Amino acid sequence: MKKTTSFTKHALEQMKERGATRDEVEFAILKGKKERAKGNRIMHRLTLPFNKTWTDKHYTWKQVVPITAEEENEIVVVTVLTFYF
């Protein structure tokens, strides 16, 4: 059974502030490199081609890093980090 993905209010705010889309976050959860994070959470790290401007600077790559908590029937996105390079 495929788990659903839900987003905390904090995660949605951070996505908007840091320039990550829901599709990017869901793709990172599906395909990103998984690492253990604090508090029994999982970090999903995925680098994507970007080739755009973010905060007045051009970047070639964008790394989307959702941090999730696994529940029985869902994956809860707790926060989202982004890195541009």
C-alpha atoms as a PDB file:
ATOM      1  CA  MET A   1       0.000   0.000   0.000  1.00  0.00           C
ATOM      2  CA  LYS A   2       1.375   3.397  -1.019  1.00  0.00           C
ATOM      3  CA  LYS A   3       1.528   5.903   1.800  1.00  0.00           C
ATOM      4  CA  THR A   4       0.024   9.338   1.322  1.00  0.00           C
ATOM      5  CA  THR A   5       2.145  12.434   1.812  1.00  0.00           C
ATOM      6  CA  SER A   6       1.018  15.279   4.057  1.00  0.00           C
ATOM      7  CA  PHE A   7       2.693  18.595   4.843  1.00  0.00           C
ATOM      8  CA  THR A   8       2.865  20.430   8.138  1.00  0.00           C
ATOM      9  CA  LYS A   9       2.089  24.151   8.112  1.00  0.00           C
ATOM     10  CA  HIS A  10       5.772  24.781   8.872  1.00  0.00           C
ATOM     11  CA  ALA A  11       6.870  22.686   5.862  1.00  0.00           C
ATOM     12  CA  LEU A  12       4.543  24.572   3.526  1.00  0.00           C
ATOM     13  CA  GLU A  13       5.843  27.919   4.821  1.00  0.00           C
ATOM     14  CA  GLN A  14       9.459  26.807   4.396  1.00  0.00           C
ATOM     15  CA  MET A  15       8.791  25.515   0.879  1.00  0.00           C
ATOM     16  CA  LYS A  16       7.413  28.905  -0.141  1.00  0.00           C
ATOM     17  CA  GLU A  17      10.234  30.824   1.547  1.00  0.00           C
ATOM     18  CA  ARG A  18      12.976  28.564   0.141  1.00  0.00           C
ATOM     19  CA  GLY A  19      11.603  28.071  -3.366  1.00  0.00           C
ATOM     20  CA  ALA A  20      10.639  24.385  -3.343  1.00  0.00           C
ATOM     21  CA  THR A  21       7.526  23.057  -5.044  1.00  0.00           C
ATOM     22  CA  ARG A  22       5.270  20.247  -3.862  1.00  0.00           C
ATOM     23  CA  ASP A  23       6.270  18.201  -6.937  1.00  0.00           C
ATOM     24  CA  GLU A  24       9.988  18.631  -6.183  1.00  0.00           C
ATOM     25  CA  VAL A  25       9.487  17.608  -2.558  1.00  0.00           C
ATOM     26  CA  GLU A  26       7.451  14.533  -3.469  1.00  0.00           C
ATOM     27  CA  PHE A  27      10.032  13.557  -6.122  1.00  0.00           C
ATOM     28  CA  ALA A  28      12.856  13.970  -3.568  1.00  0.00           C
ATOM     29  CA  ILE A  29      10.995  11.692  -1.142  1.00  0.00           C
ATOM     30  CA  LEU A  30      10.585   9.105  -3.880  1.00  0.00           C
ATOM     31  CA  LYS A  31      14.036   9.273  -5.525  1.00  0.00           C
ATOM     32  CA  GLY A  32      16.365  11.136  -3.138  1.00  0.00           C
ATOM     33  CA  LYS A  33      19.208   9.700  -1.086  1.00  0.00           C
ATOM     34  CA  LYS A  34      17.870   8.817   2.350  1.00  0.00           C
ATOM     35  CA  GLU A  35      19.795   9.749   5.491  1.00  0.00           C
ATOM     36  CA  ARG A  36      18.904   9.525   9.148  1.00  0.00           C
ATOM     37  CA  ALA A  37      17.958  12.819  10.736  1.00  0.00           C
ATOM     38  CA  LYS A  38      17.432  13.939  14.321  1.00  0.00           C
ATOM     39  CA  GLY A  39      14.413  12.596  16.177  1.00  0.00           C
ATOM     40  CA  ASN A  40      13.954   9.378  14.183  1.00  0.00           C
ATOM     41  CA  ARG A  41      13.220  11.386  11.047  1.00  0.00           C
ATOM     42  CA  ILE A  42      14.423  10.817   7.504  1.00  0.00           C
ATOM     43  CA  MET A  43      16.196  13.324   5.260  1.00  0.00           C
ATOM     44  CA  HIS A  44      15.700  12.839   1.507  1.00  0.00           C
ATOM     45  CA  ARG A  45      18.415  14.652  -0.485  1.00  0.00           C
ATOM     46  CA  LEU A  46      17.938  15.193  -4.240  1.00  0.00           C
ATOM     47  CA  THR A  47      19.891  17.495  -6.567  1.00  0.00           C
ATOM     48  CA  LEU A  48      18.005  18.742  -9.623  1.00  0.00           C
ATOM     49  CA  PRO A  49      19.066  20.790 -12.652  1.00  0.00           C
ATOM     50  CA  PHE A  50      17.924  24.376 -12.104  1.00  0.00           C
ATOM     51  CA  ASN A  51      19.537  26.878 -14.531  1.00  0.00           C
ATOM     52  CA  LYS A  52      17.472  29.781 -13.236  1.00  0.00           C
ATOM     53  CA  THR A  53      17.766  32.822 -11.040  1.00  0.00           C
ATOM     54  CA  TRP A  54      16.950  32.682  -7.343  1.00  0.00           C
ATOM     55  CA  THR A  55      17.261  35.773  -5.143  1.00  0.00           C
ATOM     56  CA  ASP A  56      18.957  37.726  -7.944  1.00  0.00           C
ATOM     57  CA  LYS A  57      21.673  35.136  -8.609  1.00  0.00           C
ATOM     58  CA  HIS A  58      21.866  32.466 -11.318  1.00  0.00           C
ATOM     59  CA  TYR A  59      22.290  28.847 -10.177  1.00  0.00           C
ATOM     60  CA  THR A  60      22.848  25.678 -12.201  1.00  0.00           C
ATOM     61  CA  TRP A  61      21.680  23.218  -9.537  1.00  0.00           C
ATOM     62  CA  LYS A  62      19.063  23.106  -6.809  1.00  0.00           C
ATOM     63  CA  GLN A  63      19.093  20.588  -3.987  1.00  0.00           C
ATOM     64  CA  VAL A  64      15.743  19.837  -2.353  1.00  0.00           C
ATOM     65  CA  VAL A  65      15.891  18.226   1.087  1.00  0.00           C
ATOM     66  CA  PRO A  66      12.573  17.313   2.708  1.00  0.00           C
ATOM     67  CA  ILE A  67      12.718  15.984   6.259  1.00  0.00           C
ATOM     68  CA  THR A  68       9.960  13.534   7.027  1.00  0.00           C
ATOM     69  CA  ALA A  69       8.386  11.549   9.825  1.00  0.00           C
ATOM     70  CA  GLU A  70       7.041   8.127   8.863  1.00  0.00           C
ATOM     71  CA  GLU A  71       3.597   7.346  10.217  1.00  0.00           C
ATOM     72  CA  GLU A  72       1.709   4.078   9.748  1.00  0.00           C
ATOM     73  CA  ASN A  73      -0.316   5.280   6.739  1.00  0.00           C
ATOM     74  CA  GLU A  74       1.399   8.489   5.702  1.00  0.00           C
ATOM     75  CA  ILE A  75       4.661  10.334   5.260  1.00  0.00           C
ATOM     76  CA  VAL A  76       4.576  13.675   7.053  1.00  0.00           C
ATOM     77  CA  VAL A  77       6.846  16.380   5.636  1.00  0.00           C
ATOM     78  CA  VAL A  78       8.074  18.253   8.707  1.00  0.00           C
ATOM     79  CA  THR A  79      10.315  20.815   6.996  1.00  0.00           C
ATOM     80  CA  VAL A  80      12.080  21.408   3.683  1.00  0.00           C
ATOM     81  CA  LEU A  81      15.570  22.744   3.052  1.00  0.00           C
ATOM     82  CA  THR A  82      16.908  23.944  -0.301  1.00  0.00           C
ATOM     83  CA  PHE A  83      20.427  24.622  -1.441  1.00  0.00           C
ATOM     84  CA  TYR A  84      21.352  26.427  -4.643  1.00  0.00           C
ATOM     85  CA  PHE A  85      24.721  26.055  -6.362  1.00  0.00           C
END
